[in-house]
Every structure is written in structure tokens, then in C-alpha cells.
Amino acid sequence: MMNDEVKGFNPGLIVLLVVVGVLLAFLVGNYVLYMYAQKTLPPRKKKPVSKKKMKRERLKQGVSAPGE
């Protein structure tokens, strides 16, 4: 007969806990960095809209472009 004594944690369980811990630390770290960036970084500037695009949008809305 073999004696099955409890010899601590299962190695598979240790690997699983380490992987879950690293993943959780990564996600929490990303969230913390995101919140920090939202507070400290200025808002991104939008690209300037070209005159051609503005003219096209005005024509879609039915407003004639000035000078036409």
C-alpha cells in the first residue's frame, strides 16, 4: 500500500495561482496607469478638418458653402 500524505500544494495549483496573479497585476496596473493618464495628460488635439471635407459636409446638410 502507498501512503498518500498531504505534501503541500499541488504544483499545478501553484502555476495556476502564479499565472492568475500576474494577469491580475497586469490588469490592475493598466487600469491605474489609465486613470493616472486621464488626470495628467492634456486631451488629444483633433486633426484639422480640410476645407474640402467641410464643404462636402455642408452640402450633405443642405447648406450652401459661402462663395457659391
PDB file of N, CA and C in Angstrom:
ATOM      1  N   MET A   1       0.829  -1.186   0.000  1.00  0.00           N
ATOM      2  CA  MET A   1       0.000   0.000   0.000  1.00  0.00           C
ATOM      3  C   MET A   1       0.870   1.245   0.000  1.00  0.00           C
ATOM      4  N   MET A   2       0.352   2.259  -0.718  1.00  0.00           N
ATOM      5  CA  MET A   2       1.087   3.526  -0.767  1.00  0.00           C
ATOM      6  C   MET A   2       0.438   4.508   0.199  1.00  0.00           C
ATOM      7  N   ASN A   3       1.267   5.189   0.951  1.00  0.00           N
ATOM      8  CA  ASN A   3       0.748   6.206   1.859  1.00  0.00           C
ATOM      9  C   ASN A   3       0.639   7.525   1.115  1.00  0.00           C
ATOM     10  N   ASP A   4      -0.584   8.027   0.965  1.00  0.00           N
ATOM     11  CA  ASP A   4      -0.800   9.326   0.311  1.00  0.00           C
ATOM     12  C   ASP A   4      -0.902  10.386   1.389  1.00  0.00           C
ATOM     13  N   GLU A   5       0.229  10.994   1.699  1.00  0.00           N
ATOM     14  CA  GLU A   5       0.238  12.064   2.684  1.00  0.00           C
ATOM     15  C   GLU A   5       0.157  13.402   1.980  1.00  0.00           C
ATOM     16  N   VAL A   6      -0.404  14.355   2.676  1.00  0.00           N
ATOM     17  CA  VAL A   6      -0.508  15.693   2.107  1.00  0.00           C
ATOM     18  C   VAL A   6       0.863  16.341   2.181  1.00  0.00           C
ATOM     19  N   LYS A   7       1.417  16.677   1.020  1.00  0.00           N
ATOM     20  CA  LYS A   7       2.778  17.230   0.977  1.00  0.00           C
ATOM     21  C   LYS A   7       2.767  18.690   0.527  1.00  0.00           C
ATOM     22  N   GLY A   8       1.751  19.432   0.840  1.00  0.00           N
ATOM     23  CA  GLY A   8       1.685  20.839   0.441  1.00  0.00           C
ATOM     24  C   GLY A   8       0.768  21.015  -0.760  1.00  0.00           C
ATOM     25  N   PHE A   9       1.003  22.106  -1.462  1.00  0.00           N
ATOM     26  CA  PHE A   9       0.140  22.417  -2.592  1.00  0.00           C
ATOM     27  C   PHE A   9       0.483  21.587  -3.811  1.00  0.00           C
ATOM     28  N   ASN A  10      -0.506  21.383  -4.631  1.00  0.00           N
ATOM     29  CA  ASN A  10      -0.330  20.723  -5.906  1.00  0.00           C
ATOM     30  C   ASN A  10       0.473  21.665  -6.832  1.00  0.00           C
ATOM     31  N   PRO A  11       1.502  21.191  -7.526  1.00  0.00           N
ATOM     32  CA  PRO A  11       2.291  22.071  -8.410  1.00  0.00           C
ATOM     33  C   PRO A  11       1.446  22.763  -9.483  1.00  0.00           C
ATOM     34  N   GLY A  12       0.431  22.070  -9.965  1.00  0.00           N
ATOM     35  CA  GLY A  12      -0.468  22.685 -10.948  1.00  0.00           C
ATOM     36  C   GLY A  12      -1.205  23.872 -10.359  1.00  0.00           C
ATOM     37  N   LEU A  13      -1.586  23.751  -9.097  1.00  0.00           N
ATOM     38  CA  LEU A  13      -2.285  24.836  -8.416  1.00  0.00           C
ATOM     39  C   LEU A  13      -1.362  26.040  -8.235  1.00  0.00           C
ATOM     40  N   ILE A  14      -0.101  25.777  -7.929  1.00  0.00           N
ATOM     41  CA  ILE A  14       0.871  26.868  -7.765  1.00  0.00           C
ATOM     42  C   ILE A  14       1.047  27.610  -9.084  1.00  0.00           C
ATOM     43  N   VAL A  15       1.193  26.874 -10.187  1.00  0.00           N
ATOM     44  CA  VAL A  15       1.342  27.504 -11.502  1.00  0.00           C
ATOM     45  C   VAL A  15       0.105  28.325 -11.831  1.00  0.00           C
ATOM     46  N   LEU A  16      -1.066  27.772 -11.571  1.00  0.00           N
ATOM     47  CA  LEU A  16      -2.314  28.480 -11.839  1.00  0.00           C
ATOM     48  C   LEU A  16      -2.394  29.771 -11.025  1.00  0.00           C
ATOM     49  N   LEU A  17      -2.048  29.709  -9.756  1.00  0.00           N
ATOM     50  CA  LEU A  17      -2.082  30.900  -8.903  1.00  0.00           C
ATOM     51  C   LEU A  17      -1.095  31.963  -9.383  1.00  0.00           C
ATOM     52  N   VAL A  18       0.096  31.536  -9.811  1.00  0.00           N
ATOM     53  CA  VAL A  18       1.090  32.493 -10.303  1.00  0.00           C
ATOM     54  C   VAL A  18       0.593  33.169 -11.577  1.00  0.00           C
ATOM     55  N   VAL A  19       0.050  32.381 -12.502  1.00  0.00           N
ATOM     56  CA  VAL A  19      -0.446  32.940 -13.767  1.00  0.00           C
ATOM     57  C   VAL A  19      -1.599  33.905 -13.508  1.00  0.00           C
ATOM     58  N   VAL A  20      -2.533  33.513 -12.664  1.00  0.00           N
ATOM     59  CA  VAL A  20      -3.673  34.386 -12.341  1.00  0.00           C
ATOM     60  C   VAL A  20      -3.181  35.651 -11.637  1.00  0.00           C
ATOM     61  N   GLY A  21      -2.199  35.507 -10.752  1.00  0.00           N
ATOM     62  CA  GLY A  21      -1.654  36.675 -10.047  1.00  0.00           C
ATOM     63  C   GLY A  21      -0.984  37.650 -10.994  1.00  0.00           C
ATOM     64  N   VAL A  22      -0.196  37.129 -11.938  1.00  0.00           N
ATOM     65  CA  VAL A  22       0.475  38.002 -12.911  1.00  0.00           C
ATOM     66  C   VAL A  22      -0.555  38.693 -13.792  1.00  0.00           C
ATOM     67  N   LEU A  23      -1.561  37.964 -14.250  1.00  0.00           N
ATOM     68  CA  LEU A  23      -2.616  38.540 -15.088  1.00  0.00           C
ATOM     69  C   LEU A  23      -3.380  39.618 -14.330  1.00  0.00           C
ATOM     70  N   LEU A  24      -3.699  39.353 -13.089  1.00  0.00           N
ATOM     71  CA  LEU A  24      -4.418  40.327 -12.270  1.00  0.00           C
ATOM     72  C   LEU A  24      -3.567  41.575 -12.032  1.00  0.00           C
ATOM     73  N   ALA A  25      -2.283  41.390 -11.765  1.00  0.00           N
ATOM     74  CA  ALA A  25      -1.390  42.535 -11.568  1.00  0.00           C
ATOM     75  C   ALA A  25      -1.288  43.364 -12.842  1.00  0.00           C
ATOM     76  N   PHE A  26      -1.233  42.701 -13.990  1.00  0.00           N
ATOM     77  CA  PHE A  26      -1.176  43.402 -15.275  1.00  0.00           C
ATOM     78  C   PHE A  26      -2.423  44.245 -15.498  1.00  0.00           C
ATOM     79  N   LEU A  27      -3.592  43.663 -15.254  1.00  0.00           N
ATOM     80  CA  LEU A  27      -4.846  44.385 -15.482  1.00  0.00           C
ATOM     81  C   LEU A  27      -4.998  45.551 -14.510  1.00  0.00           C
ATOM     82  N   VAL A  28      -4.674  45.327 -13.253  1.00  0.00           N
ATOM     83  CA  VAL A  28      -4.778  46.399 -12.253  1.00  0.00           C
ATOM     84  C   VAL A  28      -3.777  47.503 -12.572  1.00  0.00           C
ATOM     85  N   GLY A  29      -2.567  47.137 -12.981  1.00  0.00           N
ATOM     86  CA  GLY A  29      -1.562  48.131 -13.354  1.00  0.00           C
ATOM     87  C   GLY A  29      -1.997  48.961 -14.542  1.00  0.00           C
ATOM     88  N   ASN A  30      -2.584  48.306 -15.544  1.00  0.00           N
ATOM     89  CA  ASN A  30      -3.075  49.051 -16.707  1.00  0.00           C
ATOM     90  C   ASN A  30      -4.173  50.021 -16.310  1.00  0.00           C
ATOM     91  N   TYR A  31      -5.074  49.596 -15.434  1.00  0.00           N
ATOM     92  CA  TYR A  31      -6.168  50.472 -15.002  1.00  0.00           C
ATOM     93  C   TYR A  31      -5.624  51.674 -14.239  1.00  0.00           C
ATOM     94  N   VAL A  32      -4.647  51.441 -13.371  1.00  0.00           N
ATOM     95  CA  VAL A  32      -4.053  52.532 -12.595  1.00  0.00           C
ATOM     96  C   VAL A  32      -3.347  53.516 -13.537  1.00  0.00           C
ATOM     97  N   LEU A  33      -2.593  53.004 -14.501  1.00  0.00           N
ATOM     98  CA  LEU A  33      -1.922  53.883 -15.472  1.00  0.00           C
ATOM     99  C   LEU A  33      -2.928  54.670 -16.295  1.00  0.00           C
ATOM    100  N   TYR A  34      -4.028  54.029 -16.682  1.00  0.00           N
ATOM    101  CA  TYR A  34      -5.066  54.706 -17.461  1.00  0.00           C
ATOM    102  C   TYR A  34      -5.682  55.853 -16.662  1.00  0.00           C
ATOM    103  N   MET A  35      -6.002  55.594 -15.401  1.00  0.00           N
ATOM    104  CA  MET A  35      -6.596  56.647 -14.565  1.00  0.00           C
ATOM    105  C   MET A  35      -5.597  57.782 -14.351  1.00  0.00           C
ATOM    106  N   TYR A  36      -4.326  57.455 -14.148  1.00  0.00           N
ATOM    107  CA  TYR A  36      -3.294  58.475 -13.974  1.00  0.00           C
ATOM    108  C   TYR A  36      -3.152  59.315 -15.243  1.00  0.00           C
ATOM    109  N   ALA A  37      -3.174  58.659 -16.396  1.00  0.00           N
ATOM    110  CA  ALA A  37      -3.033  59.379 -17.663  1.00  0.00           C
ATOM    111  C   ALA A  37      -4.239  60.279 -17.915  1.00  0.00           C
ATOM    112  N   GLN A  38      -5.424  59.825 -17.528  1.00  0.00           N
ATOM    113  CA  GLN A  38      -6.619  60.654 -17.720  1.00  0.00           C
ATOM    114  C   GLN A  38      -6.525  61.950 -16.922  1.00  0.00           C
ATOM    115  N   LYS A  39      -5.919  61.883 -15.756  1.00  0.00           N
ATOM    116  CA  LYS A  39      -5.821  63.058 -14.900  1.00  0.00           C
ATOM    117  C   LYS A  39      -4.699  63.995 -15.327  1.00  0.00           C
ATOM    118  N   THR A  40      -3.584  63.444 -15.807  1.00  0.00           N
ATOM    119  CA  THR A  40      -2.393  64.273 -16.013  1.00  0.00           C
ATOM    120  C   THR A  40      -2.177  64.704 -17.454  1.00  0.00           C
ATOM    121  N   LEU A  41      -2.511  63.849 -18.420  1.00  0.00           N
ATOM    122  CA  LEU A  41      -2.228  64.209 -19.810  1.00  0.00           C
ATOM    123  C   LEU A  41      -3.291  65.161 -20.344  1.00  0.00           C
ATOM    124  N   PRO A  42      -2.883  66.130 -21.182  1.00  0.00           N
ATOM    125  CA  PRO A  42      -3.886  67.012 -21.791  1.00  0.00           C
ATOM    126  C   PRO A  42      -4.692  66.236 -22.825  1.00  0.00           C
ATOM    127  N   PRO A  43      -5.902  66.699 -23.132  1.00  0.00           N
ATOM    128  CA  PRO A  43      -6.705  65.990 -24.136  1.00  0.00           C
ATOM    129  C   PRO A  43      -6.034  66.061 -25.511  1.00  0.00           C
ATOM    130  N   ARG A  44      -6.226  65.013 -26.290  1.00  0.00           N
ATOM    131  CA  ARG A  44      -5.619  64.973 -27.614  1.00  0.00           C
ATOM    132  C   ARG A  44      -6.265  65.998 -28.530  1.00  0.00           C
ATOM    133  N   LYS A  45      -5.430  66.635 -29.335  1.00  0.00           N
ATOM    134  CA  LYS A  45      -5.954  67.601 -30.293  1.00  0.00           C
ATOM    135  C   LYS A  45      -6.502  66.859 -31.500  1.00  0.00           C
ATOM    136  N   LYS A  46      -7.639  67.330 -31.984  1.00  0.00           N
ATOM    137  CA  LYS A  46      -8.225  66.720 -33.167  1.00  0.00           C
ATOM    138  C   LYS A  46      -7.501  67.237 -34.397  1.00  0.00           C
ATOM    139  N   LYS A  47      -7.471  66.416 -35.421  1.00  0.00           N
ATOM    140  CA  LYS A  47      -6.861  66.835 -36.672  1.00  0.00           C
ATOM    141  C   LYS A  47      -7.710  67.944 -37.282  1.00  0.00           C
ATOM    142  N   PRO A  48      -7.073  68.944 -37.896  1.00  0.00           N
ATOM    143  CA  PRO A  48      -7.867  69.988 -38.540  1.00  0.00           C
ATOM    144  C   PRO A  48      -8.652  69.413 -39.725  1.00  0.00           C
ATOM    145  N   VAL A  49      -9.890  69.854 -39.851  1.00  0.00           N
ATOM    146  CA  VAL A  49     -10.746  69.373 -40.938  1.00  0.00           C
ATOM    147  C   VAL A  49     -10.417  70.177 -42.184  1.00  0.00           C
ATOM    148  N   SER A  50     -10.216  69.470 -43.290  1.00  0.00           N
ATOM    149  CA  SER A  50      -9.862  70.160 -44.523  1.00  0.00           C
ATOM    150  C   SER A  50     -11.068  70.932 -45.068  1.00  0.00           C
ATOM    151  N   LYS A  51     -10.778  71.945 -45.869  1.00  0.00           N
ATOM    152  CA  LYS A  51     -11.848  72.762 -46.452  1.00  0.00           C
ATOM    153  C   LYS A  51     -12.736  71.918 -47.343  1.00  0.00           C
ATOM    154  N   LYS A  52     -12.126  70.962 -48.034  1.00  0.00           N
ATOM    155  CA  LYS A  52     -12.889  70.098 -48.929  1.00  0.00           C
ATOM    156  C   LYS A  52     -13.909  69.273 -48.141  1.00  0.00           C
ATOM    157  N   LYS A  53     -13.474  68.733 -46.992  1.00  0.00           N
ATOM    158  CA  LYS A  53     -14.390  67.945 -46.165  1.00  0.00           C
ATOM    159  C   LYS A  53     -15.500  68.821 -45.594  1.00  0.00           C
ATOM    160  N   MET A  54     -15.145  70.025 -45.152  1.00  0.00           N
ATOM    161  CA  MET A  54     -16.157  70.922 -44.601  1.00  0.00           C
ATOM    162  C   MET A  54     -17.201  71.252 -45.665  1.00  0.00           C
ATOM    163  N   LYS A  55     -16.744  71.491 -46.888  1.00  0.00           N
ATOM    164  CA  LYS A  55     -17.647  71.827 -47.985  1.00  0.00           C
ATOM    165  C   LYS A  55     -18.592  70.651 -48.255  1.00  0.00           C
ATOM    166  N   ARG A  56     -18.026  69.432 -48.258  1.00  0.00           N
ATOM    167  CA  ARG A  56     -18.831  68.234 -48.506  1.00  0.00           C
ATOM    168  C   ARG A  56     -19.885  68.050 -47.415  1.00  0.00           C
ATOM    169  N   GLU A  57     -19.494  68.258 -46.144  1.00  0.00           N
ATOM    170  CA  GLU A  57     -20.444  68.118 -45.033  1.00  0.00           C
ATOM    171  C   GLU A  57     -21.562  69.148 -45.128  1.00  0.00           C
ATOM    172  N   ARG A  58     -21.215  70.366 -45.499  1.00  0.00           N
ATOM    173  CA  ARG A  58     -22.248  71.403 -45.627  1.00  0.00           C
ATOM    174  C   ARG A  58     -23.222  71.057 -46.740  1.00  0.00           C
ATOM    175  N   LEU A  59     -22.704  70.526 -47.845  1.00  0.00           N
ATOM    176  CA  LEU A  59     -23.584  70.144 -48.947  1.00  0.00           C
ATOM    177  C   LEU A  59     -24.504  69.002 -48.527  1.00  0.00           C
ATOM    178  N   LYS A  60     -24.005  68.070 -47.701  1.00  0.00           N
ATOM    179  CA  LYS A  60     -24.848  66.975 -47.206  1.00  0.00           C
ATOM    180  C   LYS A  60     -25.988  67.512 -46.356  1.00  0.00           C
ATOM    181  N   GLN A  61     -25.698  68.553 -45.565  1.00  0.00           N
ATOM    182  CA  GLN A  61     -26.715  69.111 -44.682  1.00  0.00           C
ATOM    183  C   GLN A  61     -27.656  70.069 -45.411  1.00  0.00           C
ATOM    184  N   GLY A  62     -27.325  70.401 -46.654  1.00  0.00           N
ATOM    185  CA  GLY A  62     -28.209  71.275 -47.442  1.00  0.00           C
ATOM    186  C   GLY A  62     -27.874  72.738 -47.319  1.00  0.00           C
ATOM    187  N   VAL A  63     -26.787  73.062 -46.669  1.00  0.00           N
ATOM    188  CA  VAL A  63     -26.370  74.464 -46.526  1.00  0.00           C
ATOM    189  C   VAL A  63     -25.334  74.724 -47.609  1.00  0.00           C
ATOM    190  N   SER A  64     -25.574  75.739 -48.407  1.00  0.00           N
ATOM    191  CA  SER A  64     -24.632  76.017 -49.478  1.00  0.00           C
ATOM    192  C   SER A  64     -23.364  76.636 -48.887  1.00  0.00           C
ATOM    193  N   ALA A  65     -22.243  76.266 -49.461  1.00  0.00           N
ATOM    194  CA  ALA A  65     -20.976  76.784 -48.997  1.00  0.00           C
ATOM    195  C   ALA A  65     -20.860  78.257 -49.379  1.00  0.00           C
ATOM    196  N   PRO A  66     -20.218  79.080 -48.539  1.00  0.00           N
ATOM    197  CA  PRO A  66     -20.098  80.502 -48.872  1.00  0.00           C
ATOM    198  C   PRO A  66     -19.271  80.707 -50.140  1.00  0.00           C
ATOM    199  N   GLY A  67     -19.718  81.646 -50.964  1.00  0.00           N
ATOM    200  CA  GLY A  67     -18.997  81.939 -52.197  1.00  0.00           C
ATOM    201  C   GLY A  67     -19.445  81.062 -53.365  1.00  0.00           C
ATOM    202  N   GLU A  68     -20.558  80.371 -53.189  1.00  0.00           N
ATOM    203  CA  GLU A  68     -21.031  79.520 -54.290  1.00  0.00           C
ATOM    204  C   GLU A  68     -22.401  79.943 -54.722  1.00  0.00           C
TER     205      GLU A  68
END
